[in-house]
């Protein structure tokens, strides 16, 4: 690719996925709050935030492509973002226990002349969680940087997710197949 790729994300999982498909990138430091309108439809929130992060980038995009993303977990009429502390993480996992939820990841890719924003959705099914499993997971894996307080790619996913409908990598935080295809258009 002739253009420099910039990743505006602190997520180690997004970095891992880009590297896994051979995309060389540099980290772009973006300072942006993750506030969104309270009445916004859940399926629009991640796109709103991914684009908001992209537009907060103050660097030059000449000969560069910027990738930003956001992931949210939606269950019922509630959005579960990243937990603030152990108690909030435990509450979130309790809400997910034995239920289906939807993971929305949106990606904004832009350069100095073109921008594309897309969203992927994956249904995730949790087995009922024992209180001891929730306690163990939160204390051992400290899921405070993860929407919904869990990672599909770690102990919680290995032991307590009974199924998914959709893209596994979307739940990790980046629908890498769609990102790869979108980058080819640039």
N, C-alpha and C. Protein backbone atom coordinates (compact mmCIF):
# COMPACT_ATOMS: atom_id res chain seq x y z
N UNK A 1 0.85 -1.18 0.00
CA UNK A 1 0.00 0.00 0.00
C UNK A 1 0.90 1.24 0.00
N UNK A 2 0.60 2.16 -0.86
CA UNK A 2 1.46 3.33 -1.01
C UNK A 2 1.20 4.40 0.05
N UNK A 3 0.07 4.32 0.73
CA UNK A 3 -0.23 5.31 1.75
C UNK A 3 0.10 4.76 3.13
N UNK A 4 0.51 5.65 4.00
CA UNK A 4 0.82 5.29 5.38
C UNK A 4 -0.50 5.02 6.11
N UNK A 5 -0.55 3.95 6.91
CA UNK A 5 -1.74 3.61 7.69
C UNK A 5 -1.54 4.09 9.12
N UNK A 6 -2.53 4.81 9.62
CA UNK A 6 -2.53 5.27 11.01
C UNK A 6 -3.70 4.61 11.74
N UNK A 7 -3.44 4.06 12.90
CA UNK A 7 -4.49 3.46 13.72
C UNK A 7 -4.72 4.35 14.92
N UNK A 8 -5.92 4.90 14.99
CA UNK A 8 -6.30 5.75 16.11
C UNK A 8 -7.01 4.93 17.16
N UNK A 9 -6.28 4.05 17.82
CA UNK A 9 -6.86 3.16 18.83
C UNK A 9 -5.79 2.71 19.80
N UNK A 10 -6.19 2.57 21.05
CA UNK A 10 -5.27 2.04 22.07
C UNK A 10 -5.48 0.55 22.28
N UNK A 11 -6.44 -0.04 21.58
CA UNK A 11 -6.79 -1.44 21.77
C UNK A 11 -5.69 -2.38 21.29
N UNK A 12 -5.16 -3.22 22.19
CA UNK A 12 -4.17 -4.21 21.74
C UNK A 12 -4.77 -5.24 20.80
N UNK A 13 -6.08 -5.50 20.91
CA UNK A 13 -6.72 -6.47 20.03
C UNK A 13 -6.81 -5.93 18.61
N UNK A 14 -7.11 -4.67 18.43
CA UNK A 14 -7.14 -4.08 17.09
C UNK A 14 -5.75 -4.10 16.47
N UNK A 15 -4.75 -3.81 17.26
CA UNK A 15 -3.37 -3.85 16.78
C UNK A 15 -3.02 -5.26 16.33
N UNK A 16 -3.39 -6.24 17.14
CA UNK A 16 -3.11 -7.65 16.83
C UNK A 16 -3.78 -8.06 15.53
N UNK A 17 -5.02 -7.67 15.32
CA UNK A 17 -5.75 -8.07 14.12
C UNK A 17 -5.16 -7.43 12.86
N UNK A 18 -4.81 -6.15 12.92
CA UNK A 18 -4.18 -5.51 11.75
C UNK A 18 -2.85 -6.18 11.42
N UNK A 19 -2.07 -6.45 12.44
CA UNK A 19 -0.77 -7.10 12.23
C UNK A 19 -0.94 -8.51 11.65
N UNK A 20 -1.98 -9.22 12.10
CA UNK A 20 -2.21 -10.60 11.66
C UNK A 20 -2.47 -10.70 10.16
N UNK A 21 -3.02 -9.64 9.55
CA UNK A 21 -3.27 -9.67 8.11
C UNK A 21 -2.17 -8.92 7.33
N UNK A 22 -1.09 -8.60 8.02
CA UNK A 22 0.07 -8.02 7.35
C UNK A 22 -0.01 -6.53 7.08
N UNK A 23 -0.92 -5.84 7.76
CA UNK A 23 -1.02 -4.40 7.57
C UNK A 23 -0.04 -3.70 8.50
N UNK A 24 0.89 -2.96 7.92
CA UNK A 24 1.83 -2.18 8.72
C UNK A 24 1.19 -0.84 9.02
N UNK A 25 1.29 -0.41 10.26
CA UNK A 25 0.61 0.82 10.68
C UNK A 25 1.43 1.52 11.75
N UNK A 26 1.08 2.77 11.95
CA UNK A 26 1.62 3.57 13.05
C UNK A 26 0.45 3.95 13.94
N UNK A 27 0.73 4.18 15.20
CA UNK A 27 -0.32 4.58 16.14
C UNK A 27 -0.50 6.09 16.07
N UNK A 28 -1.75 6.50 15.94
CA UNK A 28 -2.10 7.93 15.97
C UNK A 28 -2.73 8.21 17.32
N UNK A 29 -2.18 9.16 18.02
CA UNK A 29 -2.70 9.52 19.34
C UNK A 29 -3.88 10.46 19.15
N UNK A 30 -5.04 10.02 19.59
CA UNK A 30 -6.27 10.82 19.46
C UNK A 30 -6.88 10.98 20.84
N UNK A 31 -7.15 12.21 21.20
CA UNK A 31 -7.80 12.51 22.48
C UNK A 31 -9.24 12.89 22.19
N UNK A 32 -10.18 12.03 22.61
CA UNK A 32 -11.58 12.26 22.28
C UNK A 32 -12.46 11.62 23.36
N UNK A 33 -13.44 12.37 23.83
CA UNK A 33 -14.37 11.76 24.77
C UNK A 33 -15.27 10.78 24.02
N UNK A 34 -15.90 9.89 24.76
CA UNK A 34 -16.76 8.88 24.14
C UNK A 34 -18.22 9.11 24.49
N UNK A 35 -18.60 10.37 24.61
CA UNK A 35 -19.99 10.72 24.88
C UNK A 35 -20.80 10.63 23.60
N UNK A 36 -22.06 10.26 23.75
CA UNK A 36 -22.98 10.19 22.62
C UNK A 36 -24.37 10.57 23.12
N UNK A 37 -25.27 10.99 22.22
CA UNK A 37 -26.62 11.37 22.64
C UNK A 37 -27.34 10.19 23.32
N UNK A 38 -27.94 10.45 24.46
CA UNK A 38 -28.60 9.40 25.25
C UNK A 38 -29.73 8.71 24.50
N UNK A 39 -30.37 9.42 23.59
CA UNK A 39 -31.52 8.84 22.87
C UNK A 39 -31.13 8.22 21.53
N UNK A 40 -29.84 8.10 21.25
CA UNK A 40 -29.39 7.54 19.98
C UNK A 40 -29.67 6.03 19.95
N UNK A 41 -30.13 5.54 18.81
CA UNK A 41 -30.37 4.11 18.63
C UNK A 41 -29.06 3.35 18.80
N UNK A 42 -29.12 2.22 19.48
CA UNK A 42 -27.91 1.44 19.79
C UNK A 42 -27.09 1.12 18.55
N UNK A 43 -27.75 0.78 17.45
CA UNK A 43 -27.01 0.38 16.26
C UNK A 43 -26.27 1.55 15.60
N UNK A 44 -26.50 2.77 16.07
CA UNK A 44 -25.83 3.95 15.51
C UNK A 44 -24.69 4.48 16.38
N UNK A 45 -24.65 4.06 17.64
CA UNK A 45 -23.71 4.63 18.60
C UNK A 45 -22.26 4.37 18.21
N UNK A 46 -21.91 3.14 17.89
CA UNK A 46 -20.51 2.83 17.57
C UNK A 46 -20.04 3.63 16.35
N UNK A 47 -20.89 3.78 15.34
CA UNK A 47 -20.52 4.56 14.15
C UNK A 47 -20.31 6.04 14.52
N UNK A 48 -21.21 6.55 15.35
CA UNK A 48 -21.08 7.94 15.81
C UNK A 48 -19.73 8.14 16.49
N UNK A 49 -19.36 7.19 17.37
CA UNK A 49 -18.11 7.33 18.12
C UNK A 49 -16.88 7.09 17.25
N UNK A 50 -16.94 6.14 16.34
CA UNK A 50 -15.80 5.90 15.45
C UNK A 50 -15.52 7.14 14.60
N UNK A 51 -16.58 7.74 14.09
CA UNK A 51 -16.40 8.95 13.28
C UNK A 51 -15.96 10.13 14.13
N UNK A 52 -16.49 10.23 15.34
CA UNK A 52 -16.10 11.30 16.25
C UNK A 52 -14.60 11.22 16.55
N UNK A 53 -14.11 10.01 16.80
CA UNK A 53 -12.68 9.82 17.05
C UNK A 53 -11.86 10.22 15.83
N UNK A 54 -12.33 9.83 14.65
CA UNK A 54 -11.62 10.17 13.43
C UNK A 54 -11.52 11.68 13.25
N UNK A 55 -12.62 12.37 13.49
CA UNK A 55 -12.63 13.81 13.28
C UNK A 55 -11.84 14.56 14.35
N UNK A 56 -11.55 13.89 15.48
CA UNK A 56 -10.74 14.51 16.53
C UNK A 56 -9.25 14.46 16.20
N UNK A 57 -8.88 13.70 15.18
CA UNK A 57 -7.48 13.61 14.77
C UNK A 57 -7.05 14.95 14.19
N UNK A 58 -5.96 15.49 14.70
CA UNK A 58 -5.53 16.82 14.27
C UNK A 58 -4.31 16.79 13.36
N UNK A 59 -3.82 15.61 13.04
CA UNK A 59 -2.65 15.50 12.18
C UNK A 59 -2.99 15.66 10.70
N UNK A 60 -1.97 15.56 9.89
CA UNK A 60 -2.10 15.70 8.45
C UNK A 60 -2.35 14.32 7.84
N UNK A 61 -3.35 14.21 6.98
CA UNK A 61 -3.66 12.95 6.33
C UNK A 61 -3.17 12.88 4.88
N UNK A 62 -2.29 13.79 4.50
CA UNK A 62 -1.71 13.73 3.16
C UNK A 62 -0.90 12.43 3.03
N UNK A 63 -1.23 11.61 2.06
CA UNK A 63 -0.60 10.30 1.84
C UNK A 63 -0.76 9.35 3.03
N UNK A 64 -1.83 9.54 3.80
CA UNK A 64 -2.09 8.69 4.96
C UNK A 64 -3.55 8.28 5.01
N UNK A 65 -3.79 7.13 5.62
CA UNK A 65 -5.14 6.63 5.86
C UNK A 65 -5.29 6.43 7.36
N UNK A 66 -6.33 6.99 7.93
CA UNK A 66 -6.60 6.87 9.36
C UNK A 66 -7.72 5.86 9.59
N UNK A 67 -7.50 4.95 10.52
CA UNK A 67 -8.52 3.98 10.92
C UNK A 67 -8.87 4.24 12.38
N UNK A 68 -10.16 4.46 12.65
CA UNK A 68 -10.65 4.54 14.02
C UNK A 68 -11.81 3.58 14.15
N UNK A 69 -12.09 3.15 15.37
CA UNK A 69 -13.16 2.17 15.58
C UNK A 69 -13.74 2.34 16.97
N UNK A 70 -14.94 1.80 17.13
CA UNK A 70 -15.56 1.75 18.45
C UNK A 70 -16.43 0.51 18.53
N UNK A 71 -16.47 -0.08 19.71
CA UNK A 71 -17.27 -1.28 19.96
C UNK A 71 -18.17 -1.04 21.15
N UNK A 72 -19.44 -1.42 21.01
CA UNK A 72 -20.36 -1.37 22.14
C UNK A 72 -21.07 -2.71 22.27
N UNK A 73 -21.56 -2.95 23.46
CA UNK A 73 -22.37 -4.13 23.75
C UNK A 73 -23.77 -3.64 24.08
N UNK A 74 -24.76 -4.20 23.40
CA UNK A 74 -26.16 -3.81 23.58
C UNK A 74 -26.95 -5.01 24.09
N UNK A 75 -27.63 -4.81 25.21
CA UNK A 75 -28.50 -5.84 25.75
C UNK A 75 -29.79 -5.17 26.20
N UNK A 76 -30.89 -5.63 25.63
CA UNK A 76 -32.18 -4.98 25.93
C UNK A 76 -32.13 -3.53 25.54
N UNK A 77 -32.47 -2.66 26.47
CA UNK A 77 -32.45 -1.22 26.17
C UNK A 77 -31.24 -0.53 26.79
N UNK A 78 -30.17 -1.30 27.01
CA UNK A 78 -28.99 -0.76 27.69
C UNK A 78 -27.73 -0.99 26.86
N UNK A 79 -26.83 -0.01 26.91
CA UNK A 79 -25.51 -0.14 26.30
C UNK A 79 -24.51 -0.34 27.42
N UNK A 80 -23.69 -1.38 27.25
CA UNK A 80 -22.64 -1.66 28.22
C UNK A 80 -21.31 -1.27 27.60
N UNK A 81 -20.73 -0.20 28.10
CA UNK A 81 -19.42 0.24 27.61
C UNK A 81 -18.33 -0.40 28.45
N UNK A 82 -17.21 0.24 28.58
CA UNK A 82 -16.13 -0.27 29.42
C UNK A 82 -16.48 0.01 30.88
N UNK A 83 -16.26 -0.97 31.75
CA UNK A 83 -16.58 -0.76 33.17
C UNK A 83 -15.59 0.19 33.84
N UNK A 84 -16.09 0.93 34.79
CA UNK A 84 -15.25 1.88 35.53
C UNK A 84 -14.45 1.19 36.63
N UNK A 85 -14.98 0.09 37.16
CA UNK A 85 -14.35 -0.57 38.31
C UNK A 85 -14.82 -2.02 38.40
N UNK A 86 -14.36 -2.74 39.44
CA UNK A 86 -14.70 -4.15 39.61
C UNK A 86 -16.20 -4.36 39.78
N UNK A 87 -16.81 -3.53 40.58
CA UNK A 87 -18.25 -3.70 40.84
C UNK A 87 -19.07 -3.54 39.57
N UNK A 88 -18.73 -2.53 38.78
CA UNK A 88 -19.45 -2.32 37.52
C UNK A 88 -19.22 -3.48 36.55
N UNK A 89 -17.99 -4.01 36.52
CA UNK A 89 -17.69 -5.16 35.66
C UNK A 89 -18.53 -6.36 36.08
N UNK A 90 -18.63 -6.61 37.36
CA UNK A 90 -19.43 -7.73 37.86
C UNK A 90 -20.91 -7.55 37.52
N UNK A 91 -21.42 -6.33 37.66
CA UNK A 91 -22.82 -6.05 37.32
C UNK A 91 -23.08 -6.31 35.84
N UNK A 92 -22.17 -5.86 34.99
CA UNK A 92 -22.33 -6.07 33.55
C UNK A 92 -22.36 -7.56 33.22
N UNK A 93 -21.43 -8.31 33.75
CA UNK A 93 -21.39 -9.74 33.47
C UNK A 93 -22.64 -10.44 33.99
N UNK A 94 -23.16 -9.97 35.11
CA UNK A 94 -24.41 -10.51 35.62
C UNK A 94 -25.57 -10.27 34.67
N UNK A 95 -25.58 -9.12 34.02
CA UNK A 95 -26.63 -8.82 33.04
C UNK A 95 -26.51 -9.70 31.80
N UNK A 96 -25.28 -10.02 31.41
CA UNK A 96 -25.04 -10.84 30.22
C UNK A 96 -25.32 -12.32 30.48
N UNK A 97 -25.21 -12.73 31.73
CA UNK A 97 -25.35 -14.13 32.12
C UNK A 97 -26.65 -14.74 31.61
N UNK A 98 -26.52 -15.81 30.82
CA UNK A 98 -27.69 -16.55 30.34
C UNK A 98 -28.48 -15.85 29.25
N UNK A 99 -27.95 -14.78 28.69
CA UNK A 99 -28.70 -14.00 27.70
C UNK A 99 -27.92 -13.80 26.41
N UNK A 100 -28.66 -13.40 25.39
CA UNK A 100 -28.08 -12.96 24.12
C UNK A 100 -27.87 -11.45 24.18
N UNK A 101 -26.78 -11.00 23.62
CA UNK A 101 -26.57 -9.56 23.45
C UNK A 101 -25.99 -9.34 22.05
N UNK A 102 -25.93 -8.09 21.65
CA UNK A 102 -25.40 -7.73 20.33
C UNK A 102 -24.15 -6.89 20.51
N UNK A 103 -23.10 -7.25 19.80
CA UNK A 103 -21.87 -6.46 19.77
C UNK A 103 -21.85 -5.70 18.44
N UNK A 104 -21.79 -4.39 18.54
CA UNK A 104 -21.67 -3.52 17.37
C UNK A 104 -20.25 -2.96 17.35
N UNK A 105 -19.55 -3.16 16.24
CA UNK A 105 -18.27 -2.49 16.03
C UNK A 105 -18.39 -1.68 14.75
N UNK A 106 -18.03 -0.42 14.86
CA UNK A 106 -18.02 0.46 13.69
C UNK A 106 -16.60 0.93 13.44
N UNK A 107 -16.32 1.14 12.17
CA UNK A 107 -14.99 1.56 11.73
C UNK A 107 -15.15 2.77 10.83
N UNK A 108 -14.28 3.75 11.04
CA UNK A 108 -14.20 4.91 10.15
C UNK A 108 -12.81 4.88 9.54
N UNK A 109 -12.78 4.87 8.22
CA UNK A 109 -11.51 4.91 7.49
C UNK A 109 -11.55 6.14 6.60
N UNK A 110 -10.51 6.97 6.71
CA UNK A 110 -10.49 8.17 5.87
C UNK A 110 -9.07 8.60 5.55
N UNK A 111 -8.99 9.32 4.43
CA UNK A 111 -7.76 10.01 4.08
C UNK A 111 -8.12 11.47 3.82
N UNK A 112 -7.31 12.19 3.11
CA UNK A 112 -7.58 13.62 2.93
C UNK A 112 -8.74 13.90 1.98
N UNK A 113 -9.21 12.89 1.22
CA UNK A 113 -10.28 13.14 0.25
C UNK A 113 -11.49 12.19 0.37
N UNK A 114 -11.34 11.10 1.06
CA UNK A 114 -12.40 10.09 1.08
C UNK A 114 -12.60 9.57 2.50
N UNK A 115 -13.86 9.24 2.81
CA UNK A 115 -14.17 8.68 4.13
C UNK A 115 -15.24 7.61 3.96
N UNK A 116 -15.09 6.50 4.69
CA UNK A 116 -16.11 5.46 4.72
C UNK A 116 -16.30 5.06 6.19
N UNK A 117 -17.57 4.85 6.56
CA UNK A 117 -17.92 4.38 7.90
C UNK A 117 -18.84 3.18 7.74
N UNK A 118 -18.54 2.10 8.44
CA UNK A 118 -19.40 0.92 8.37
C UNK A 118 -19.50 0.27 9.74
N UNK A 119 -20.57 -0.50 9.92
CA UNK A 119 -20.85 -1.16 11.20
C UNK A 119 -21.11 -2.63 10.95
N UNK A 120 -20.62 -3.45 11.86
CA UNK A 120 -20.90 -4.88 11.84
C UNK A 120 -21.57 -5.23 13.17
N UNK A 121 -22.47 -6.20 13.14
CA UNK A 121 -23.19 -6.62 14.35
C UNK A 121 -23.07 -8.13 14.49
N UNK A 122 -22.83 -8.58 15.72
CA UNK A 122 -22.71 -10.00 16.02
C UNK A 122 -23.55 -10.32 17.25
N UNK A 123 -24.39 -11.34 17.14
CA UNK A 123 -25.14 -11.82 18.30
C UNK A 123 -24.24 -12.76 19.10
N UNK A 124 -24.20 -12.56 20.40
CA UNK A 124 -23.38 -13.38 21.29
C UNK A 124 -24.28 -13.97 22.37
N UNK A 125 -24.12 -15.27 22.61
CA UNK A 125 -24.94 -15.99 23.59
C UNK A 125 -24.07 -16.44 24.76
N UNK A 126 -24.43 -15.99 25.96
CA UNK A 126 -23.72 -16.37 27.18
C UNK A 126 -24.45 -17.50 27.88
N UNK A 127 -23.69 -18.43 28.41
CA UNK A 127 -24.25 -19.42 29.32
C UNK A 127 -24.56 -18.71 30.64
N UNK A 128 -25.41 -19.27 31.47
CA UNK A 128 -25.57 -18.69 32.81
C UNK A 128 -24.22 -18.72 33.55
N UNK A 129 -23.87 -17.62 34.17
CA UNK A 129 -22.58 -17.50 34.85
C UNK A 129 -22.75 -17.67 36.35
N UNK A 130 -21.92 -18.48 36.94
CA UNK A 130 -21.89 -18.60 38.40
C UNK A 130 -21.23 -17.35 38.98
N UNK A 131 -21.68 -16.93 40.15
CA UNK A 131 -21.07 -15.77 40.81
C UNK A 131 -19.56 -15.97 40.98
N UNK A 132 -19.17 -17.22 41.28
CA UNK A 132 -17.74 -17.49 41.47
C UNK A 132 -16.95 -17.31 40.17
N UNK A 133 -17.56 -17.63 39.02
CA UNK A 133 -16.90 -17.42 37.73
C UNK A 133 -16.75 -15.93 37.43
N UNK A 134 -17.79 -15.16 37.72
CA UNK A 134 -17.73 -13.71 37.52
C UNK A 134 -16.62 -13.12 38.39
N UNK A 135 -16.61 -13.50 39.65
CA UNK A 135 -15.60 -13.01 40.60
C UNK A 135 -14.19 -13.37 40.12
N UNK A 136 -14.00 -14.63 39.74
CA UNK A 136 -12.70 -15.09 39.27
C UNK A 136 -12.26 -14.29 38.03
N UNK A 137 -13.16 -14.15 37.09
CA UNK A 137 -12.82 -13.47 35.84
C UNK A 137 -12.42 -12.02 36.07
N UNK A 138 -13.23 -11.30 36.81
CA UNK A 138 -12.95 -9.88 37.04
C UNK A 138 -11.65 -9.70 37.82
N UNK A 139 -11.43 -10.53 38.83
CA UNK A 139 -10.22 -10.41 39.64
C UNK A 139 -8.96 -10.85 38.89
N UNK A 140 -9.08 -11.85 38.03
CA UNK A 140 -7.92 -12.41 37.34
C UNK A 140 -7.61 -11.70 36.03
N UNK A 141 -8.64 -11.39 35.26
CA UNK A 141 -8.42 -10.86 33.90
C UNK A 141 -8.61 -9.35 33.79
N UNK A 142 -9.15 -8.74 34.82
CA UNK A 142 -9.28 -7.27 34.89
C UNK A 142 -9.79 -6.68 33.56
N UNK A 143 -11.04 -6.98 33.19
CA UNK A 143 -11.57 -6.60 31.87
C UNK A 143 -12.04 -5.15 31.77
N UNK A 144 -11.29 -4.23 32.31
CA UNK A 144 -11.74 -2.83 32.39
C UNK A 144 -11.55 -2.06 31.09
N UNK A 145 -10.85 -2.64 30.13
CA UNK A 145 -10.66 -1.97 28.83
C UNK A 145 -11.54 -2.59 27.75
N UNK A 146 -12.57 -3.35 28.18
CA UNK A 146 -13.40 -4.08 27.22
C UNK A 146 -14.86 -3.71 27.37
N UNK A 147 -15.50 -3.40 26.26
CA UNK A 147 -16.95 -3.15 26.28
C UNK A 147 -17.66 -4.39 26.79
N UNK A 148 -18.60 -4.21 27.71
CA UNK A 148 -19.33 -5.33 28.27
C UNK A 148 -18.56 -6.12 29.30
N UNK A 149 -17.34 -5.74 29.59
CA UNK A 149 -16.50 -6.36 30.64
C UNK A 149 -16.00 -7.76 30.30
N UNK A 150 -15.88 -8.09 29.02
CA UNK A 150 -15.33 -9.41 28.70
C UNK A 150 -14.61 -9.37 27.36
N UNK A 151 -13.74 -10.37 27.19
CA UNK A 151 -13.09 -10.59 25.91
C UNK A 151 -13.44 -11.96 25.39
N UNK A 152 -13.94 -12.02 24.17
CA UNK A 152 -14.28 -13.32 23.57
C UNK A 152 -13.02 -14.16 23.37
N UNK A 153 -11.86 -13.51 23.27
CA UNK A 153 -10.61 -14.19 22.98
C UNK A 153 -9.87 -14.61 24.25
N UNK A 154 -10.52 -14.52 25.42
CA UNK A 154 -9.85 -14.95 26.65
C UNK A 154 -10.74 -15.93 27.43
N UNK A 155 -10.44 -16.14 28.67
CA UNK A 155 -11.09 -17.15 29.51
C UNK A 155 -12.62 -17.09 29.43
N UNK A 156 -13.18 -15.90 29.49
CA UNK A 156 -14.65 -15.78 29.46
C UNK A 156 -15.21 -16.34 28.16
N UNK A 157 -14.60 -16.01 27.05
CA UNK A 157 -15.05 -16.52 25.77
C UNK A 157 -14.86 -18.02 25.64
N UNK A 158 -13.73 -18.50 26.13
CA UNK A 158 -13.44 -19.94 26.03
C UNK A 158 -14.43 -20.77 26.83
N UNK A 159 -14.85 -20.27 27.98
CA UNK A 159 -15.61 -21.10 28.92
C UNK A 159 -17.09 -20.78 29.03
N UNK A 160 -17.52 -19.60 28.59
CA UNK A 160 -18.89 -19.19 28.91
C UNK A 160 -19.71 -18.65 27.75
N UNK A 161 -19.15 -18.58 26.57
CA UNK A 161 -19.95 -18.17 25.41
C UNK A 161 -20.38 -19.43 24.69
N UNK A 162 -21.69 -19.61 24.60
CA UNK A 162 -22.22 -20.85 24.01
C UNK A 162 -22.37 -20.76 22.50
N UNK A 163 -22.33 -19.56 21.93
CA UNK A 163 -22.43 -19.43 20.49
C UNK A 163 -22.44 -17.98 20.05
N UNK A 164 -22.17 -17.79 18.75
CA UNK A 164 -22.28 -16.46 18.16
C UNK A 164 -22.92 -16.60 16.79
N UNK A 165 -23.53 -15.51 16.35
CA UNK A 165 -24.05 -15.40 14.98
C UNK A 165 -23.41 -14.15 14.41
N UNK A 166 -22.46 -14.36 13.52
CA UNK A 166 -21.77 -13.22 12.94
C UNK A 166 -20.26 -13.39 13.04
N UNK A 167 -19.56 -12.29 12.95
CA UNK A 167 -18.11 -12.26 12.87
C UNK A 167 -17.47 -12.28 14.25
N UNK A 168 -16.68 -13.31 14.52
CA UNK A 168 -15.93 -13.44 15.77
C UNK A 168 -15.03 -12.22 15.99
N UNK A 169 -14.33 -11.80 14.94
CA UNK A 169 -13.38 -10.69 15.08
C UNK A 169 -14.07 -9.36 15.36
N UNK A 170 -15.32 -9.25 14.94
CA UNK A 170 -16.12 -8.08 15.29
C UNK A 170 -16.25 -7.98 16.80
N UNK A 171 -16.46 -9.11 17.47
CA UNK A 171 -16.59 -9.13 18.93
C UNK A 171 -15.25 -8.78 19.58
N UNK A 172 -14.15 -9.14 18.95
CA UNK A 172 -12.83 -8.76 19.44
C UNK A 172 -12.59 -7.25 19.31
N UNK A 173 -13.33 -6.60 18.43
CA UNK A 173 -13.20 -5.15 18.31
C UNK A 173 -12.85 -4.63 16.93
N UNK A 174 -12.75 -5.52 15.92
CA UNK A 174 -12.45 -5.05 14.57
C UNK A 174 -12.86 -6.11 13.55
N UNK A 175 -13.89 -5.83 12.74
CA UNK A 175 -14.27 -6.78 11.69
C UNK A 175 -13.22 -6.74 10.59
N UNK A 176 -12.13 -7.45 10.81
CA UNK A 176 -10.91 -7.30 10.03
C UNK A 176 -11.12 -7.59 8.54
N UNK A 177 -11.99 -8.53 8.20
CA UNK A 177 -12.25 -8.83 6.79
C UNK A 177 -12.80 -7.59 6.10
N UNK A 178 -13.75 -6.91 6.72
CA UNK A 178 -14.34 -5.71 6.13
C UNK A 178 -13.34 -4.56 6.10
N UNK A 179 -12.50 -4.46 7.11
CA UNK A 179 -11.47 -3.42 7.13
C UNK A 179 -10.50 -3.64 5.96
N UNK A 180 -10.07 -4.87 5.80
CA UNK A 180 -9.13 -5.21 4.73
C UNK A 180 -9.72 -4.86 3.35
N UNK A 181 -10.98 -5.23 3.13
CA UNK A 181 -11.63 -4.93 1.86
C UNK A 181 -11.79 -3.42 1.66
N UNK A 182 -12.15 -2.71 2.72
CA UNK A 182 -12.31 -1.26 2.60
C UNK A 182 -10.98 -0.58 2.30
N UNK A 183 -9.91 -1.04 2.91
CA UNK A 183 -8.59 -0.44 2.65
C UNK A 183 -8.18 -0.61 1.19
N UNK A 184 -8.57 -1.71 0.57
CA UNK A 184 -8.23 -1.92 -0.84
C UNK A 184 -8.87 -0.85 -1.75
N UNK A 185 -9.98 -0.27 -1.28
CA UNK A 185 -10.65 0.77 -2.07
C UNK A 185 -9.90 2.11 -2.00
N UNK A 186 -9.01 2.25 -1.04
CA UNK A 186 -8.24 3.48 -0.90
C UNK A 186 -6.97 3.41 -1.74
